[in-house]
Amino acid sequence: MLSWVVTFLVIALIAGILGFGGIAGASIEIAKIIFFIAIVLFLVSAVVGLARGRRI
């Protein structure tokens, strides 16, 4: 999932260099959304992993 974030950031950088501001802005927004989704999924999996590890 984080590879998608990097992909959209690269697209945004290339679009920004070439002068396509709308595409660059949209790519940055998509990258931010995917990044925050990845963070939330990581935190949920960490909490679930800790909850499972405590049950013996």
PDB file of N, CA and C in Angstrom:
ATOM      1  N   MET A   1       0.823  -1.185   0.000  1.00  0.00           N
ATOM      2  CA  MET A   1       0.000   0.000   0.000  1.00  0.00           C
ATOM      3  C   MET A   1       0.870   1.254   0.000  1.00  0.00           C
ATOM      4  N   LEU A   2       1.974   1.205   0.742  1.00  0.00           N
ATOM      5  CA  LEU A   2       2.836   2.376   0.761  1.00  0.00           C
ATOM      6  C   LEU A   2       3.545   2.575  -0.577  1.00  0.00           C
ATOM      7  N   SER A   3       3.655   1.514  -1.356  1.00  0.00           N
ATOM      8  CA  SER A   3       4.241   1.682  -2.689  1.00  0.00           C
ATOM      9  C   SER A   3       3.319   2.530  -3.570  1.00  0.00           C
ATOM     10  N   TRP A   4       2.017   2.448  -3.337  1.00  0.00           N
ATOM     11  CA  TRP A   4       1.073   3.290  -4.076  1.00  0.00           C
ATOM     12  C   TRP A   4       1.291   4.762  -3.713  1.00  0.00           C
ATOM     13  N   VAL A   5       1.568   5.008  -2.413  1.00  0.00           N
ATOM     14  CA  VAL A   5       1.819   6.379  -1.969  1.00  0.00           C
ATOM     15  C   VAL A   5       3.040   6.938  -2.687  1.00  0.00           C
ATOM     16  N   VAL A   6       4.100   6.143  -2.750  1.00  0.00           N
ATOM     17  CA  VAL A   6       5.315   6.587  -3.425  1.00  0.00           C
ATOM     18  C   VAL A   6       5.044   6.810  -4.913  1.00  0.00           C
ATOM     19  N   THR A   7       4.265   5.928  -5.519  1.00  0.00           N
ATOM     20  CA  THR A   7       3.931   6.081  -6.937  1.00  0.00           C
ATOM     21  C   THR A   7       3.190   7.389  -7.189  1.00  0.00           C
ATOM     22  N   PHE A   8       2.182   7.688  -6.379  1.00  0.00           N
ATOM     23  CA  PHE A   8       1.433   8.923  -6.565  1.00  0.00           C
ATOM     24  C   PHE A   8       2.288  10.156  -6.272  1.00  0.00           C
ATOM     25  N   LEU A   9       3.219  10.045  -5.317  1.00  0.00           N
ATOM     26  CA  LEU A   9       4.109  11.167  -5.057  1.00  0.00           C
ATOM     27  C   LEU A   9       5.039  11.420  -6.238  1.00  0.00           C
ATOM     28  N   VAL A  10       5.538  10.359  -6.858  1.00  0.00           N
ATOM     29  CA  VAL A  10       6.393  10.513  -8.033  1.00  0.00           C
ATOM     30  C   VAL A  10       5.600  11.125  -9.187  1.00  0.00           C
ATOM     31  N   ILE A  11       4.365  10.658  -9.371  1.00  0.00           N
ATOM     32  CA  ILE A  11       3.510  11.240 -10.412  1.00  0.00           C
ATOM     33  C   ILE A  11       3.295  12.726 -10.143  1.00  0.00           C
ATOM     34  N   ALA A  12       3.053  13.076  -8.882  1.00  0.00           N
ATOM     35  CA  ALA A  12       2.836  14.482  -8.535  1.00  0.00           C
ATOM     36  C   ALA A  12       4.082  15.314  -8.790  1.00  0.00           C
ATOM     37  N   LEU A  13       5.247  14.781  -8.457  1.00  0.00           N
ATOM     38  CA  LEU A  13       6.483  15.528  -8.691  1.00  0.00           C
ATOM     39  C   LEU A  13       6.732  15.748 -10.175  1.00  0.00           C
ATOM     40  N   ILE A  14       6.549  14.710 -10.961  1.00  0.00           N
ATOM     41  CA  ILE A  14       6.754  14.833 -12.410  1.00  0.00           C
ATOM     42  C   ILE A  14       5.737  15.797 -13.004  1.00  0.00           C
ATOM     43  N   ALA A  15       4.476  15.683 -12.581  1.00  0.00           N
ATOM     44  CA  ALA A  15       3.446  16.586 -13.101  1.00  0.00           C
ATOM     45  C   ALA A  15       3.726  18.025 -12.683  1.00  0.00           C
ATOM     46  N   GLY A  16       4.205  18.209 -11.458  1.00  0.00           N
ATOM     47  CA  GLY A  16       4.526  19.555 -10.996  1.00  0.00           C
ATOM     48  C   GLY A  16       5.677  20.167 -11.772  1.00  0.00           C
ATOM     49  N   ILE A  17       6.699  19.359 -12.066  1.00  0.00           N
ATOM     50  CA  ILE A  17       7.840  19.850 -12.846  1.00  0.00           C
ATOM     51  C   ILE A  17       7.411  20.234 -14.257  1.00  0.00           C
ATOM     52  N   LEU A  18       6.509  19.435 -14.822  1.00  0.00           N
ATOM     53  CA  LEU A  18       6.065  19.692 -16.197  1.00  0.00           C
ATOM     54  C   LEU A  18       4.976  20.760 -16.279  1.00  0.00           C
ATOM     55  N   GLY A  19       4.490  21.237 -15.133  1.00  0.00           N
ATOM     56  CA  GLY A  19       3.530  22.328 -15.137  1.00  0.00           C
ATOM     57  C   GLY A  19       2.073  21.917 -15.093  1.00  0.00           C
ATOM     58  N   PHE A  20       1.800  20.675 -14.814  1.00  0.00           N
ATOM     59  CA  PHE A  20       0.421  20.214 -14.713  1.00  0.00           C
ATOM     60  C   PHE A  20      -0.015  20.296 -13.245  1.00  0.00           C
ATOM     61  N   GLY A  21      -0.441  21.477 -12.837  1.00  0.00           N
ATOM     62  CA  GLY A  21      -0.766  21.709 -11.431  1.00  0.00           C
ATOM     63  C   GLY A  21      -1.960  20.921 -10.941  1.00  0.00           C
ATOM     64  N   GLY A  22      -2.970  20.762 -11.778  1.00  0.00           N
ATOM     65  CA  GLY A  22      -4.171  20.027 -11.367  1.00  0.00           C
ATOM     66  C   GLY A  22      -3.880  18.563 -11.119  1.00  0.00           C
ATOM     67  N   ILE A  23      -3.111  17.966 -12.006  1.00  0.00           N
ATOM     68  CA  ILE A  23      -2.755  16.556 -11.845  1.00  0.00           C
ATOM     69  C   ILE A  23      -1.857  16.375 -10.630  1.00  0.00           C
ATOM     70  N   ALA A  24      -0.936  17.311 -10.440  1.00  0.00           N
ATOM     71  CA  ALA A  24      -0.035  17.230  -9.290  1.00  0.00           C
ATOM     72  C   ALA A  24      -0.819  17.333  -7.981  1.00  0.00           C
ATOM     73  N   GLY A  25      -1.755  18.261  -7.927  1.00  0.00           N
ATOM     74  CA  GLY A  25      -2.558  18.425  -6.714  1.00  0.00           C
ATOM     75  C   GLY A  25      -3.419  17.213  -6.426  1.00  0.00           C
ATOM     76  N   ALA A  26      -4.013  16.657  -7.469  1.00  0.00           N
ATOM     77  CA  ALA A  26      -4.852  15.466  -7.280  1.00  0.00           C
ATOM     78  C   ALA A  26      -4.009  14.278  -6.828  1.00  0.00           C
ATOM     79  N   SER A  27      -2.824  14.138  -7.392  1.00  0.00           N
ATOM     80  CA  SER A  27      -1.959  13.025  -7.006  1.00  0.00           C
ATOM     81  C   SER A  27      -1.503  13.154  -5.561  1.00  0.00           C
ATOM     82  N   ILE A  28      -1.207  14.364  -5.139  1.00  0.00           N
ATOM     83  CA  ILE A  28      -0.812  14.578  -3.743  1.00  0.00           C
ATOM     84  C   ILE A  28      -1.959  14.229  -2.806  1.00  0.00           C
ATOM     85  N   GLU A  29      -3.176  14.631  -3.149  1.00  0.00           N
ATOM     86  CA  GLU A  29      -4.327  14.320  -2.299  1.00  0.00           C
ATOM     87  C   GLU A  29      -4.563  12.810  -2.218  1.00  0.00           C
ATOM     88  N   ILE A  30      -4.455  12.126  -3.333  1.00  0.00           N
ATOM     89  CA  ILE A  30      -4.617  10.667  -3.336  1.00  0.00           C
ATOM     90  C   ILE A  30      -3.538  10.013  -2.493  1.00  0.00           C
ATOM     91  N   ALA A  31      -2.301  10.496  -2.625  1.00  0.00           N
ATOM     92  CA  ALA A  31      -1.203   9.943  -1.843  1.00  0.00           C
ATOM     93  C   ALA A  31      -1.433  10.148  -0.347  1.00  0.00           C
ATOM     94  N   LYS A  32      -1.937  11.319   0.041  1.00  0.00           N
ATOM     95  CA  LYS A  32      -2.208  11.583   1.453  1.00  0.00           C
ATOM     96  C   LYS A  32      -3.298  10.662   1.984  1.00  0.00           C
ATOM     97  N   ILE A  33      -4.356  10.479   1.205  1.00  0.00           N
ATOM     98  CA  ILE A  33      -5.458   9.619   1.639  1.00  0.00           C
ATOM     99  C   ILE A  33      -4.976   8.180   1.821  1.00  0.00           C
ATOM    100  N   ILE A  34      -4.232   7.673   0.844  1.00  0.00           N
ATOM    101  CA  ILE A  34      -3.729   6.299   0.943  1.00  0.00           C
ATOM    102  C   ILE A  34      -2.769   6.166   2.115  1.00  0.00           C
ATOM    103  N   PHE A  35      -1.942   7.182   2.356  1.00  0.00           N
ATOM    104  CA  PHE A  35      -1.001   7.145   3.477  1.00  0.00           C
ATOM    105  C   PHE A  35      -1.733   7.061   4.806  1.00  0.00           C
ATOM    106  N   PHE A  36      -2.769   7.871   4.987  1.00  0.00           N
ATOM    107  CA  PHE A  36      -3.503   7.838   6.252  1.00  0.00           C
ATOM    108  C   PHE A  36      -4.276   6.531   6.419  1.00  0.00           C
ATOM    109  N   ILE A  37      -4.776   5.975   5.342  1.00  0.00           N
ATOM    110  CA  ILE A  37      -5.420   4.661   5.417  1.00  0.00           C
ATOM    111  C   ILE A  37      -4.408   3.608   5.846  1.00  0.00           C
ATOM    112  N   ALA A  38      -3.193   3.677   5.310  1.00  0.00           N
ATOM    113  CA  ALA A  38      -2.146   2.726   5.688  1.00  0.00           C
ATOM    114  C   ALA A  38      -1.791   2.868   7.163  1.00  0.00           C
ATOM    115  N   ILE A  39      -1.722   4.089   7.668  1.00  0.00           N
ATOM    116  CA  ILE A  39      -1.425   4.319   9.083  1.00  0.00           C
ATOM    117  C   ILE A  39      -2.520   3.720   9.959  1.00  0.00           C
ATOM    118  N   VAL A  40      -3.780   3.953   9.591  1.00  0.00           N
ATOM    119  CA  VAL A  40      -4.901   3.416  10.375  1.00  0.00           C
ATOM    120  C   VAL A  40      -4.876   1.892  10.367  1.00  0.00           C
ATOM    121  N   LEU A  41      -4.638   1.292   9.201  1.00  0.00           N
ATOM    122  CA  LEU A  41      -4.588  -0.170   9.131  1.00  0.00           C
ATOM    123  C   LEU A  41      -3.426  -0.724   9.949  1.00  0.00           C
ATOM    124  N   PHE A  42      -2.297  -0.031   9.954  1.00  0.00           N
ATOM    125  CA  PHE A  42      -1.167  -0.456  10.767  1.00  0.00           C
ATOM    126  C   PHE A  42      -1.512  -0.412  12.251  1.00  0.00           C
ATOM    127  N   LEU A  43      -2.138   0.672  12.693  1.00  0.00           N
ATOM    128  CA  LEU A  43      -2.496   0.781  14.104  1.00  0.00           C
ATOM    129  C   LEU A  43      -3.510  -0.276  14.516  1.00  0.00           C
ATOM    130  N   VAL A  44      -4.489  -0.544  13.656  1.00  0.00           N
ATOM    131  CA  VAL A  44      -5.485  -1.575  13.961  1.00  0.00           C
ATOM    132  C   VAL A  44      -4.816  -2.941  14.060  1.00  0.00           C
ATOM    133  N   SER A  45      -3.923  -3.251  13.129  1.00  0.00           N
ATOM    134  CA  SER A  45      -3.259  -4.549  13.175  1.00  0.00           C
ATOM    135  C   SER A  45      -2.325  -4.650  14.376  1.00  0.00           C
ATOM    136  N   ALA A  46      -1.707  -3.547  14.784  1.00  0.00           N
ATOM    137  CA  ALA A  46      -0.847  -3.565  15.960  1.00  0.00           C
ATOM    138  C   ALA A  46      -1.663  -3.821  17.229  1.00  0.00           C
ATOM    139  N   VAL A  47      -2.822  -3.172  17.335  1.00  0.00           N
ATOM    140  CA  VAL A  47      -3.677  -3.371  18.514  1.00  0.00           C
ATOM    141  C   VAL A  47      -4.202  -4.804  18.553  1.00  0.00           C
ATOM    142  N   VAL A  48      -4.624  -5.324  17.416  1.00  0.00           N
ATOM    143  CA  VAL A  48      -5.119  -6.700  17.361  1.00  0.00           C
ATOM    144  C   VAL A  48      -3.992  -7.671  17.697  1.00  0.00           C
ATOM    145  N   GLY A  49      -2.796  -7.416  17.201  1.00  0.00           N
ATOM    146  CA  GLY A  49      -1.653  -8.271  17.504  1.00  0.00           C
ATOM    147  C   GLY A  49      -1.302  -8.259  18.992  1.00  0.00           C
ATOM    148  N   LEU A  50      -1.372  -7.093  19.611  1.00  0.00           N
ATOM    149  CA  LEU A  50      -1.113  -7.025  21.034  1.00  0.00           C
ATOM    150  C   LEU A  50      -2.194  -7.727  21.840  1.00  0.00           C
ATOM    151  N   ALA A  51      -3.438  -7.597  21.423  1.00  0.00           N
ATOM    152  CA  ALA A  51      -4.548  -8.244  22.131  1.00  0.00           C
ATOM    153  C   ALA A  51      -4.433  -9.763  22.015  1.00  0.00           C
ATOM    154  N   ARG A  52      -4.043 -10.267  20.870  1.00  0.00           N
ATOM    155  CA  ARG A  52      -3.882 -11.706  20.709  1.00  0.00           C
ATOM    156  C   ARG A  52      -2.676 -12.229  21.466  1.00  0.00           C
ATOM    157  N   GLY A  53      -1.625 -11.432  21.554  1.00  0.00           N
ATOM    158  CA  GLY A  53      -0.408 -11.863  22.242  1.00  0.00           C
ATOM    159  C   GLY A  53      -0.578 -11.951  23.738  1.00  0.00           C
ATOM    160  N   ARG A  54      -1.496 -11.188  24.308  1.00  0.00           N
ATOM    161  CA  ARG A  54      -1.684 -11.186  25.759  1.00  0.00           C
ATOM    162  C   ARG A  54      -2.498 -12.381  26.224  1.00  0.00           C
ATOM    163  N   ARG A  55      -3.284 -12.954  25.355  1.00  0.00           N
ATOM    164  CA  ARG A  55      -4.083 -14.125  25.746  1.00  0.00           C
ATOM    165  C   ARG A  55      -3.201 -15.370  25.685  1.00  0.00           C
ATOM    166  N   ILE A  56      -3.020 -15.978  26.812  1.00  0.00           N
ATOM    167  CA  ILE A  56      -2.174 -17.184  26.864  1.00  0.00           C
ATOM    168  C   ILE A  56      -3.016 -18.401  27.189  1.00  0.00           C
TER     169      ILE A  56
END
